Amino acid sequence: MTNKDKKVSGVVTAPKKKKPTTTRKFGAKTVTKPPKLALEGYKWLVEYQVNNKTIVIKDTIPKQTVYIYRCTNSLIQVKGKVNAILLDGCKKCALVFEDVISGCEAVNCQSIQVQCTGKSPVFSIDKTDGAVLFLAESCLDAEIITSKSSEMNVTIPGATPDADMSEIPVPEQFKSVIKDRKLVTESVSHSGG
C-alpha cells in the first residue's frame, strides 16, 4: 500500500499547544471607588478610605457590625459595644475599639494595628502579613486564632501599672511529630546562641 499524497511522510506530529492567555495584567492599577462611611441596616460600612485618620463610629448598639473594606493608611475608631468587627483587604490601617461581643477578624490585610480598650473574646487573623494586637488588661483572656499569616505580635500591659507594655510574637512555624499514634504539634522556637 502506498500513500498517494506525496506530502504526507508517515510521521504524525501533534499540533502545537497555545499558551493559555490570561486577562490579568500584573502591575495594573486597581479600580478605586469613592470612600464610603454609612450605616446600612445594622451594618456599618467603612470602604475605600485612603489617608483618613478621622473616622469615628459612635452611637453604636450591640446588634451592629462594622465592616472595614479596602482601606489604606487610615485610622478607624469604634465607640461603644458592637457585635463584630471585620477588616478585609486593608493596608497600613489602625483600628481602635472598645467592646465587641463575638470577635474581631482581619482577612487579607497588610501592616495593620488593632487595639482593644475594652473586651473581645476572640481575635481571628487570616491571610494577613503584619499584624499587631494591643490588648487592654480586661482583654487578656481573649483567644487569638491565626491562619496563613505572618509577622504577628501581641502587646499586653506590664505586670504592674508602672511597668512597660510587653510585646509577644505569635508563632509562625510549627513542628509536628507522631506520639502514641497521635499527631502532636508545637511551635518552633529559635534560640539566639
N, C-alpha and C. Protein backbone atom coordinates (compact mmCIF):
# COMPACT_ATOMS: atom_id res chain seq x y z
N MET A 1 0.83 -1.16 0.00
CA MET A 1 0.00 0.00 0.00
C MET A 1 0.88 1.23 0.00
N THR A 2 0.54 2.11 -0.89
CA THR A 2 1.32 3.35 -0.95
C THR A 2 0.40 4.52 -0.72
N ASN A 3 0.99 5.56 -0.23
CA ASN A 3 0.25 6.78 0.03
C ASN A 3 0.27 7.62 -1.24
N LYS A 4 -0.92 7.97 -1.75
CA LYS A 4 -0.99 8.72 -2.98
C LYS A 4 -0.69 10.20 -2.77
N ASP A 5 -0.78 10.64 -1.52
CA ASP A 5 -0.48 12.04 -1.23
C ASP A 5 1.00 12.13 -0.88
N LYS A 6 1.77 12.70 -1.79
CA LYS A 6 3.22 12.74 -1.61
C LYS A 6 3.65 13.64 -0.45
N LYS A 7 2.75 14.54 0.03
CA LYS A 7 3.13 15.47 1.09
C LYS A 7 3.13 14.80 2.47
N VAL A 8 2.48 13.70 2.63
CA VAL A 8 2.42 13.02 3.91
C VAL A 8 3.61 12.08 4.01
N SER A 9 4.38 12.25 5.05
CA SER A 9 5.60 11.47 5.18
C SER A 9 5.42 10.23 6.03
N GLY A 10 4.27 10.10 6.66
CA GLY A 10 4.06 8.96 7.53
C GLY A 10 4.39 9.28 8.98
N VAL A 11 4.92 10.46 9.27
CA VAL A 11 5.22 10.86 10.63
C VAL A 11 4.10 11.77 11.12
N VAL A 12 3.53 11.38 12.22
CA VAL A 12 2.43 12.16 12.78
C VAL A 12 3.00 13.09 13.84
N THR A 13 2.69 14.38 13.72
CA THR A 13 3.14 15.33 14.73
C THR A 13 1.91 15.91 15.42
N ALA A 14 2.06 16.11 16.72
CA ALA A 14 0.97 16.70 17.49
C ALA A 14 0.91 18.19 17.20
N PRO A 15 -0.30 18.73 17.15
CA PRO A 15 -0.39 20.18 16.92
C PRO A 15 0.21 20.93 18.10
N LYS A 16 0.81 22.07 17.83
CA LYS A 16 1.43 22.86 18.88
C LYS A 16 0.34 23.44 19.77
N LYS A 17 0.58 23.32 21.08
CA LYS A 17 -0.38 23.87 22.03
C LYS A 17 -0.10 25.35 22.23
N LYS A 18 -1.17 26.09 22.25
CA LYS A 18 -1.02 27.52 22.53
C LYS A 18 -0.97 27.72 24.03
N LYS A 19 -0.16 28.68 24.45
CA LYS A 19 -0.10 29.00 25.86
C LYS A 19 -1.41 29.64 26.27
N PRO A 20 -1.91 29.27 27.45
CA PRO A 20 -3.17 29.88 27.89
C PRO A 20 -2.98 31.39 28.10
N THR A 21 -3.94 32.12 27.66
CA THR A 21 -3.86 33.57 27.83
C THR A 21 -4.64 33.96 29.07
N THR A 22 -4.10 34.91 29.79
CA THR A 22 -4.78 35.39 30.97
C THR A 22 -5.15 36.85 30.77
N THR A 23 -6.22 37.22 31.35
CA THR A 23 -6.66 38.60 31.22
C THR A 23 -6.09 39.47 32.33
N ARG A 24 -5.48 38.87 33.31
CA ARG A 24 -4.93 39.62 34.43
C ARG A 24 -3.58 40.21 34.03
N LYS A 25 -3.43 41.47 34.25
CA LYS A 25 -2.16 42.14 33.97
C LYS A 25 -1.51 42.51 35.29
N PHE A 26 -0.29 42.06 35.46
CA PHE A 26 0.42 42.37 36.68
C PHE A 26 0.88 43.82 36.63
N GLY A 27 0.79 44.47 37.77
CA GLY A 27 1.20 45.86 37.84
C GLY A 27 0.11 46.83 37.43
N ALA A 28 -1.02 46.30 37.00
CA ALA A 28 -2.12 47.17 36.60
C ALA A 28 -2.75 47.79 37.85
N LYS A 29 -3.15 49.02 37.75
CA LYS A 29 -3.76 49.70 38.88
C LYS A 29 -5.16 49.15 39.11
N THR A 30 -5.50 49.02 40.38
CA THR A 30 -6.84 48.57 40.72
C THR A 30 -7.80 49.75 40.63
N VAL A 31 -9.01 49.45 40.38
CA VAL A 31 -10.03 50.48 40.27
C VAL A 31 -10.33 51.01 41.67
N THR A 32 -10.24 52.32 41.83
CA THR A 32 -10.56 52.91 43.12
C THR A 32 -11.98 53.43 43.08
N LYS A 33 -12.68 53.14 44.13
CA LYS A 33 -14.07 53.58 44.24
C LYS A 33 -14.13 54.71 45.26
N PRO A 34 -15.20 55.47 45.26
CA PRO A 34 -15.29 56.57 46.23
C PRO A 34 -15.39 56.03 47.66
N PRO A 35 -14.80 56.76 48.62
CA PRO A 35 -14.88 56.32 50.01
C PRO A 35 -16.32 56.29 50.51
N LYS A 36 -16.55 55.36 51.43
CA LYS A 36 -17.91 55.21 51.95
C LYS A 36 -17.85 55.00 53.46
N LEU A 37 -18.70 55.72 54.18
CA LEU A 37 -18.90 55.54 55.61
C LEU A 37 -20.39 55.67 55.85
N ALA A 38 -21.06 54.53 56.05
CA ALA A 38 -22.52 54.56 56.15
C ALA A 38 -23.01 53.41 57.03
N LEU A 39 -24.17 53.62 57.62
CA LEU A 39 -24.85 52.58 58.38
C LEU A 39 -26.00 52.08 57.51
N GLU A 40 -25.92 50.81 57.11
CA GLU A 40 -26.97 50.19 56.30
C GLU A 40 -27.58 49.05 57.12
N GLY A 41 -28.78 49.28 57.60
CA GLY A 41 -29.41 48.31 58.50
C GLY A 41 -28.65 48.29 59.81
N TYR A 42 -28.09 47.13 60.13
CA TYR A 42 -27.28 47.01 61.34
C TYR A 42 -25.79 46.89 61.02
N LYS A 43 -25.39 47.22 59.80
CA LYS A 43 -24.00 47.08 59.39
C LYS A 43 -23.39 48.44 59.05
N TRP A 44 -22.31 48.77 59.77
CA TRP A 44 -21.52 49.95 59.43
C TRP A 44 -20.58 49.57 58.31
N LEU A 45 -20.59 50.32 57.22
CA LEU A 45 -19.68 50.08 56.10
C LEU A 45 -18.64 51.18 56.05
N VAL A 46 -17.38 50.79 56.14
CA VAL A 46 -16.26 51.71 56.00
C VAL A 46 -15.45 51.17 54.83
N GLU A 47 -15.54 51.82 53.68
CA GLU A 47 -14.94 51.27 52.47
C GLU A 47 -14.10 52.31 51.74
N TYR A 48 -13.00 51.84 51.17
CA TYR A 48 -12.14 52.62 50.27
C TYR A 48 -11.66 53.94 50.87
N GLN A 49 -11.43 53.97 52.16
CA GLN A 49 -10.89 55.17 52.80
C GLN A 49 -9.38 55.19 52.60
N VAL A 50 -8.84 56.34 52.19
CA VAL A 50 -7.40 56.49 51.97
C VAL A 50 -6.90 57.71 52.74
N ASN A 51 -5.86 57.50 53.54
CA ASN A 51 -5.24 58.58 54.32
C ASN A 51 -6.25 59.34 55.17
N ASN A 52 -7.21 58.64 55.73
CA ASN A 52 -8.22 59.28 56.57
C ASN A 52 -8.00 58.84 58.01
N LYS A 53 -7.54 59.75 58.85
CA LYS A 53 -7.24 59.44 60.25
C LYS A 53 -8.34 59.91 61.19
N THR A 54 -9.49 60.31 60.65
CA THR A 54 -10.54 60.91 61.49
C THR A 54 -11.85 60.12 61.46
N ILE A 55 -11.82 58.85 61.14
CA ILE A 55 -13.04 58.05 61.06
C ILE A 55 -13.44 57.63 62.48
N VAL A 56 -14.61 58.07 62.92
CA VAL A 56 -15.12 57.71 64.24
C VAL A 56 -16.55 57.20 64.08
N ILE A 57 -16.78 55.98 64.55
CA ILE A 57 -18.13 55.41 64.55
C ILE A 57 -18.61 55.44 65.98
N LYS A 58 -19.65 56.24 66.24
CA LYS A 58 -20.16 56.35 67.61
C LYS A 58 -21.67 56.10 67.59
N ASP A 59 -22.28 56.17 68.72
CA ASP A 59 -23.71 55.87 68.87
C ASP A 59 -24.02 54.47 68.35
N THR A 60 -23.21 53.51 68.77
CA THR A 60 -23.38 52.12 68.32
C THR A 60 -24.29 51.37 69.30
N ILE A 61 -24.86 50.28 68.79
CA ILE A 61 -25.66 49.38 69.62
C ILE A 61 -25.12 47.96 69.43
N PRO A 62 -25.35 47.06 70.39
CA PRO A 62 -24.77 45.72 70.30
C PRO A 62 -25.20 44.89 69.09
N LYS A 63 -26.27 45.22 68.42
CA LYS A 63 -26.70 44.45 67.24
C LYS A 63 -25.89 44.78 65.99
N GLN A 64 -25.16 45.87 66.02
CA GLN A 64 -24.46 46.34 64.82
C GLN A 64 -23.12 45.65 64.62
N THR A 65 -22.74 45.52 63.34
CA THR A 65 -21.42 45.03 62.97
C THR A 65 -20.70 46.14 62.21
N VAL A 66 -19.39 46.04 62.17
CA VAL A 66 -18.57 47.02 61.45
C VAL A 66 -17.76 46.26 60.42
N TYR A 67 -17.92 46.65 59.14
CA TYR A 67 -17.20 46.01 58.04
C TYR A 67 -16.28 47.06 57.42
N ILE A 68 -14.98 46.83 57.52
CA ILE A 68 -13.97 47.76 57.02
C ILE A 68 -13.30 47.11 55.83
N TYR A 69 -13.47 47.71 54.62
CA TYR A 69 -13.05 47.06 53.39
C TYR A 69 -12.13 47.96 52.57
N ARG A 70 -10.99 47.40 52.19
CA ARG A 70 -10.03 48.03 51.29
C ARG A 70 -9.65 49.46 51.68
N CYS A 71 -9.42 49.68 52.93
CA CYS A 71 -8.96 50.99 53.39
C CYS A 71 -7.43 50.99 53.41
N THR A 72 -6.84 52.16 53.19
CA THR A 72 -5.39 52.29 53.15
C THR A 72 -4.96 53.47 54.01
N ASN A 73 -3.96 53.23 54.86
CA ASN A 73 -3.34 54.27 55.67
C ASN A 73 -4.38 55.10 56.41
N SER A 74 -5.31 54.44 57.07
CA SER A 74 -6.40 55.12 57.77
C SER A 74 -6.52 54.62 59.20
N LEU A 75 -7.18 55.44 60.04
CA LEU A 75 -7.44 55.09 61.43
C LEU A 75 -8.95 55.07 61.64
N ILE A 76 -9.45 53.96 62.15
CA ILE A 76 -10.89 53.80 62.39
C ILE A 76 -11.08 53.60 63.89
N GLN A 77 -11.95 54.41 64.49
CA GLN A 77 -12.28 54.28 65.91
C GLN A 77 -13.74 53.88 66.04
N VAL A 78 -14.01 52.89 66.88
CA VAL A 78 -15.37 52.43 67.12
C VAL A 78 -15.66 52.63 68.60
N LYS A 79 -16.63 53.49 68.89
CA LYS A 79 -17.02 53.80 70.27
C LYS A 79 -18.19 52.91 70.67
N GLY A 80 -18.21 52.46 71.90
CA GLY A 80 -19.33 51.66 72.39
C GLY A 80 -19.13 50.18 72.10
N LYS A 81 -20.23 49.43 72.22
CA LYS A 81 -20.20 47.97 72.04
C LYS A 81 -20.91 47.59 70.75
N VAL A 82 -20.24 46.76 69.93
CA VAL A 82 -20.84 46.24 68.69
C VAL A 82 -20.76 44.72 68.71
N ASN A 83 -21.46 44.10 67.77
CA ASN A 83 -21.48 42.64 67.71
C ASN A 83 -20.17 42.07 67.17
N ALA A 84 -19.69 42.60 66.04
CA ALA A 84 -18.48 42.07 65.41
C ALA A 84 -17.82 43.16 64.57
N ILE A 85 -16.51 42.99 64.36
CA ILE A 85 -15.74 43.90 63.51
C ILE A 85 -14.91 43.05 62.56
N LEU A 86 -14.92 43.42 61.26
CA LEU A 86 -14.15 42.70 60.25
C LEU A 86 -13.34 43.68 59.43
N LEU A 87 -12.03 43.47 59.36
CA LEU A 87 -11.16 44.20 58.45
C LEU A 87 -10.89 43.28 57.27
N ASP A 88 -11.10 43.76 56.06
CA ASP A 88 -10.95 42.93 54.87
C ASP A 88 -10.16 43.70 53.81
N GLY A 89 -8.99 43.20 53.46
CA GLY A 89 -8.19 43.79 52.40
C GLY A 89 -7.62 45.16 52.71
N CYS A 90 -7.37 45.45 53.97
CA CYS A 90 -6.86 46.77 54.37
C CYS A 90 -5.33 46.76 54.41
N LYS A 91 -4.73 47.92 54.15
CA LYS A 91 -3.28 48.08 54.19
C LYS A 91 -2.92 49.28 55.05
N LYS A 92 -1.97 49.07 55.95
CA LYS A 92 -1.44 50.12 56.82
C LYS A 92 -2.55 50.87 57.56
N CYS A 93 -3.47 50.12 58.11
CA CYS A 93 -4.61 50.70 58.83
C CYS A 93 -4.51 50.39 60.31
N ALA A 94 -5.16 51.24 61.10
CA ALA A 94 -5.24 51.03 62.54
C ALA A 94 -6.71 51.05 62.95
N LEU A 95 -7.07 50.16 63.85
CA LEU A 95 -8.42 50.07 64.37
C LEU A 95 -8.35 50.15 65.89
N VAL A 96 -9.15 51.04 66.48
CA VAL A 96 -9.25 51.16 67.93
C VAL A 96 -10.72 50.98 68.28
N PHE A 97 -11.02 50.03 69.15
CA PHE A 97 -12.41 49.80 69.52
C PHE A 97 -12.51 49.51 71.01
N GLU A 98 -13.74 49.69 71.54
CA GLU A 98 -13.95 49.46 72.96
C GLU A 98 -14.35 48.01 73.23
N ASP A 99 -15.58 47.64 72.91
CA ASP A 99 -16.07 46.30 73.20
C ASP A 99 -16.70 45.67 71.97
N VAL A 100 -16.48 44.36 71.83
CA VAL A 100 -17.11 43.60 70.76
C VAL A 100 -17.62 42.30 71.36
N ILE A 101 -18.81 41.88 70.93
CA ILE A 101 -19.46 40.72 71.54
C ILE A 101 -18.91 39.40 71.00
N SER A 102 -18.88 39.24 69.66
CA SER A 102 -18.47 37.96 69.11
C SER A 102 -16.99 37.91 68.75
N GLY A 103 -16.41 38.99 68.27
CA GLY A 103 -14.99 38.97 67.98
C GLY A 103 -14.59 39.96 66.90
N CYS A 104 -13.28 40.09 66.73
CA CYS A 104 -12.69 40.97 65.74
C CYS A 104 -11.88 40.10 64.78
N GLU A 105 -12.05 40.31 63.48
CA GLU A 105 -11.42 39.47 62.47
C GLU A 105 -10.69 40.33 61.45
N ALA A 106 -9.53 39.86 61.00
CA ALA A 106 -8.77 40.51 59.93
C ALA A 106 -8.48 39.46 58.86
N VAL A 107 -8.82 39.79 57.61
CA VAL A 107 -8.63 38.86 56.49
C VAL A 107 -7.96 39.62 55.34
N ASN A 108 -6.95 39.03 54.73
CA ASN A 108 -6.26 39.59 53.56
C ASN A 108 -5.73 41.01 53.80
N CYS A 109 -5.17 41.26 54.96
CA CYS A 109 -4.66 42.59 55.29
C CYS A 109 -3.14 42.61 55.30
N GLN A 110 -2.60 43.82 55.27
CA GLN A 110 -1.15 44.01 55.37
C GLN A 110 -0.87 45.17 56.31
N SER A 111 0.04 44.97 57.24
CA SER A 111 0.51 46.00 58.16
C SER A 111 -0.63 46.71 58.89
N ILE A 112 -1.34 45.96 59.72
CA ILE A 112 -2.45 46.54 60.46
C ILE A 112 -2.14 46.56 61.95
N GLN A 113 -2.82 47.45 62.65
CA GLN A 113 -2.76 47.51 64.10
C GLN A 113 -4.18 47.50 64.63
N VAL A 114 -4.43 46.67 65.63
CA VAL A 114 -5.76 46.57 66.23
C VAL A 114 -5.61 46.75 67.73
N GLN A 115 -6.36 47.69 68.28
CA GLN A 115 -6.29 47.95 69.72
C GLN A 115 -7.67 47.80 70.33
N CYS A 116 -7.76 46.94 71.34
CA CYS A 116 -8.99 46.75 72.10
C CYS A 116 -8.81 47.41 73.46
N THR A 117 -9.63 48.43 73.74
CA THR A 117 -9.54 49.13 75.03
C THR A 117 -10.51 48.55 76.05
N GLY A 118 -11.37 47.65 75.59
CA GLY A 118 -12.36 47.03 76.47
C GLY A 118 -12.22 45.53 76.46
N LYS A 119 -13.22 44.86 75.84
CA LYS A 119 -13.29 43.40 75.88
C LYS A 119 -13.63 42.83 74.51
N SER A 120 -12.95 41.75 74.14
CA SER A 120 -13.25 40.97 72.94
C SER A 120 -12.89 39.52 73.24
N PRO A 121 -13.81 38.58 72.98
CA PRO A 121 -13.49 37.19 73.30
C PRO A 121 -12.53 36.53 72.31
N VAL A 122 -12.55 36.98 71.04
CA VAL A 122 -11.76 36.31 70.00
C VAL A 122 -11.17 37.33 69.05
N PHE A 123 -9.93 37.07 68.64
CA PHE A 123 -9.30 37.79 67.54
C PHE A 123 -8.92 36.73 66.51
N SER A 124 -9.37 36.91 65.28
CA SER A 124 -9.08 35.96 64.22
C SER A 124 -8.29 36.68 63.12
N ILE A 125 -7.12 36.14 62.79
CA ILE A 125 -6.26 36.75 61.78
C ILE A 125 -6.00 35.71 60.71
N ASP A 126 -6.42 36.01 59.47
CA ASP A 126 -6.34 35.05 58.38
C ASP A 126 -5.74 35.72 57.15
N LYS A 127 -4.73 35.10 56.56
CA LYS A 127 -4.08 35.60 55.35
C LYS A 127 -3.64 37.06 55.50
N THR A 128 -3.00 37.35 56.60
CA THR A 128 -2.58 38.72 56.90
C THR A 128 -1.08 38.75 57.18
N ASP A 129 -0.39 39.69 56.58
CA ASP A 129 1.04 39.87 56.79
C ASP A 129 1.27 41.17 57.54
N GLY A 130 1.71 41.05 58.78
CA GLY A 130 1.98 42.21 59.60
C GLY A 130 0.77 42.64 60.39
N ALA A 131 0.64 42.13 61.60
CA ALA A 131 -0.49 42.50 62.47
C ALA A 131 0.02 42.66 63.89
N VAL A 132 -0.38 43.75 64.53
CA VAL A 132 -0.05 43.98 65.93
C VAL A 132 -1.36 44.16 66.68
N LEU A 133 -1.57 43.35 67.71
CA LEU A 133 -2.75 43.47 68.57
C LEU A 133 -2.32 44.13 69.87
N PHE A 134 -3.02 45.20 70.26
CA PHE A 134 -2.79 45.86 71.53
C PHE A 134 -3.99 45.52 72.42
N LEU A 135 -3.74 44.78 73.49
CA LEU A 135 -4.83 44.32 74.34
C LEU A 135 -4.82 45.05 75.68
N ALA A 136 -6.01 45.41 76.15
CA ALA A 136 -6.17 46.01 77.47
C ALA A 136 -6.12 44.91 78.52
N GLU A 137 -5.97 45.29 79.76
CA GLU A 137 -5.94 44.33 80.86
C GLU A 137 -7.21 43.48 80.88
N SER A 138 -8.35 44.07 80.55
CA SER A 138 -9.62 43.35 80.57
C SER A 138 -9.77 42.37 79.41
N CYS A 139 -8.83 42.38 78.49
CA CYS A 139 -8.93 41.55 77.28
C CYS A 139 -7.88 40.44 77.24
N LEU A 140 -7.19 40.23 78.33
CA LEU A 140 -6.09 39.27 78.32
C LEU A 140 -6.54 37.81 78.22
N ASP A 141 -7.83 37.53 78.44
CA ASP A 141 -8.31 36.15 78.33
C ASP A 141 -8.85 35.84 76.92
N ALA A 142 -8.63 36.73 75.96
CA ALA A 142 -9.13 36.53 74.60
C ALA A 142 -8.37 35.42 73.88
N GLU A 143 -9.05 34.73 72.99
CA GLU A 143 -8.42 33.74 72.13
C GLU A 143 -7.90 34.44 70.89
N ILE A 144 -6.72 34.03 70.42
CA ILE A 144 -6.14 34.58 69.19
C ILE A 144 -5.97 33.42 68.23
N ILE A 145 -6.71 33.45 67.14
CA ILE A 145 -6.69 32.37 66.16
C ILE A 145 -6.05 32.91 64.88
N THR A 146 -5.00 32.23 64.41
CA THR A 146 -4.30 32.69 63.21
C THR A 146 -4.24 31.58 62.17
N SER A 147 -4.23 32.00 60.90
CA SER A 147 -4.14 31.05 59.80
C SER A 147 -3.49 31.74 58.60
N LYS A 148 -2.47 31.11 58.03
CA LYS A 148 -1.79 31.63 56.84
C LYS A 148 -1.35 33.08 57.00
N SER A 149 -0.85 33.43 58.17
CA SER A 149 -0.45 34.80 58.45
C SER A 149 0.99 34.84 58.94
N SER A 150 1.60 36.03 58.85
CA SER A 150 2.98 36.19 59.29
C SER A 150 3.17 37.55 59.96
N GLU A 151 4.31 37.69 60.61
CA GLU A 151 4.70 38.94 61.26
C GLU A 151 3.63 39.45 62.23
N MET A 152 3.24 38.61 63.17
CA MET A 152 2.18 38.96 64.12
C MET A 152 2.76 39.11 65.52
N ASN A 153 2.32 40.15 66.23
CA ASN A 153 2.74 40.39 67.60
C ASN A 153 1.52 40.77 68.43
N VAL A 154 1.58 40.45 69.72
CA VAL A 154 0.54 40.85 70.66
C VAL A 154 1.22 41.68 71.74
N THR A 155 0.68 42.87 71.98
CA THR A 155 1.23 43.76 73.01
C THR A 155 0.25 43.82 74.17
N ILE A 156 0.76 43.51 75.36
CA ILE A 156 -0.09 43.47 76.55
C ILE A 156 0.48 44.41 77.61
N PRO A 157 -0.38 44.83 78.56
CA PRO A 157 0.12 45.69 79.65
C PRO A 157 1.15 44.95 80.50
N GLY A 158 2.04 45.72 81.13
CA GLY A 158 3.05 45.14 82.01
C GLY A 158 2.39 44.52 83.24
N ALA A 159 3.21 43.82 84.02
CA ALA A 159 2.70 43.11 85.21
C ALA A 159 2.22 44.09 86.28
N THR A 160 2.80 45.27 86.32
CA THR A 160 2.37 46.29 87.28
C THR A 160 1.97 47.54 86.50
N PRO A 161 1.20 48.44 87.11
CA PRO A 161 0.79 49.65 86.40
C PRO A 161 1.96 50.52 85.94
N ASP A 162 3.10 50.44 86.62
CA ASP A 162 4.26 51.24 86.24
C ASP A 162 5.14 50.55 85.20
N ALA A 163 4.90 49.27 84.94
CA ALA A 163 5.75 48.51 84.01
C ALA A 163 5.42 48.86 82.56
N ASP A 164 6.42 48.67 81.70
CA ASP A 164 6.23 48.91 80.27
C ASP A 164 5.36 47.81 79.67
N MET A 165 4.77 48.14 78.53
CA MET A 165 4.00 47.14 77.79
C MET A 165 4.96 46.04 77.31
N SER A 166 4.43 44.84 77.16
CA SER A 166 5.23 43.70 76.73
C SER A 166 4.74 43.22 75.37
N GLU A 167 5.66 43.06 74.43
CA GLU A 167 5.29 42.60 73.09
C GLU A 167 5.71 41.15 72.92
N ILE A 168 4.74 40.33 72.51
CA ILE A 168 4.95 38.89 72.40
C ILE A 168 4.71 38.47 70.94
N PRO A 169 5.68 37.79 70.31
CA PRO A 169 5.45 37.34 68.93
C PRO A 169 4.52 36.13 68.89
N VAL A 170 3.68 36.08 67.86
CA VAL A 170 2.80 34.93 67.64
C VAL A 170 3.57 33.95 66.76
N PRO A 171 3.68 32.69 67.16
CA PRO A 171 4.46 31.73 66.37
C PRO A 171 3.94 31.58 64.94
N GLU A 172 4.89 31.43 64.02
CA GLU A 172 4.56 31.24 62.61
C GLU A 172 4.98 29.86 62.12
N GLN A 173 5.90 29.22 62.84
CA GLN A 173 6.46 27.96 62.40
C GLN A 173 6.16 26.88 63.45
N PHE A 174 5.78 25.70 62.97
CA PHE A 174 5.37 24.64 63.87
C PHE A 174 6.06 23.33 63.51
N LYS A 175 6.18 22.46 64.50
CA LYS A 175 6.76 21.14 64.31
C LYS A 175 5.73 20.13 64.76
N SER A 176 5.46 19.15 63.92
CA SER A 176 4.50 18.09 64.26
C SER A 176 5.23 16.75 64.31
N VAL A 177 4.94 15.96 65.33
CA VAL A 177 5.50 14.62 65.46
C VAL A 177 4.38 13.67 65.85
N ILE A 178 4.60 12.41 65.59
CA ILE A 178 3.61 11.40 65.97
C ILE A 178 4.07 10.78 67.28
N LYS A 179 3.23 10.89 68.31
CA LYS A 179 3.50 10.30 69.62
C LYS A 179 2.29 9.48 70.02
N ASP A 180 2.52 8.24 70.34
CA ASP A 180 1.45 7.33 70.75
C ASP A 180 0.31 7.32 69.73
N ARG A 181 0.69 7.30 68.45
CA ARG A 181 -0.25 7.21 67.33
C ARG A 181 -1.15 8.44 67.22
N LYS A 182 -0.69 9.56 67.76
CA LYS A 182 -1.42 10.82 67.65
C LYS A 182 -0.45 11.88 67.15
N LEU A 183 -0.98 12.85 66.44
CA LEU A 183 -0.17 13.94 65.95
C LEU A 183 -0.07 15.03 67.02
N VAL A 184 1.14 15.37 67.40
CA VAL A 184 1.38 16.40 68.40
C VAL A 184 2.12 17.55 67.73
N THR A 185 1.55 18.75 67.82
CA THR A 185 2.12 19.91 67.17
C THR A 185 2.51 20.95 68.21
N GLU A 186 3.69 21.51 68.04
CA GLU A 186 4.15 22.57 68.94
C GLU A 186 4.88 23.62 68.12
N SER A 187 4.91 24.84 68.66
CA SER A 187 5.59 25.91 67.94
C SER A 187 7.10 25.71 68.02
N VAL A 188 7.80 26.17 67.00
CA VAL A 188 9.24 26.08 66.95
C VAL A 188 9.81 27.37 67.49
N SER A 189 10.73 27.25 68.43
CA SER A 189 11.38 28.44 68.96
C SER A 189 12.85 28.38 68.59
N HIS A 190 13.38 29.52 68.20
CA HIS A 190 14.78 29.61 67.82
C HIS A 190 15.54 30.35 68.91
N SER A 191 16.57 29.71 69.41
CA SER A 191 17.36 30.39 70.44
C SER A 191 18.50 31.14 69.77
N GLY A 192 18.82 32.26 70.29
CA GLY A 192 19.86 33.10 69.69
C GLY A 192 21.21 32.83 70.31
N GLY A 193 21.72 31.66 70.15
CA GLY A 193 23.01 31.43 70.77
C GLY A 193 23.77 30.31 70.24
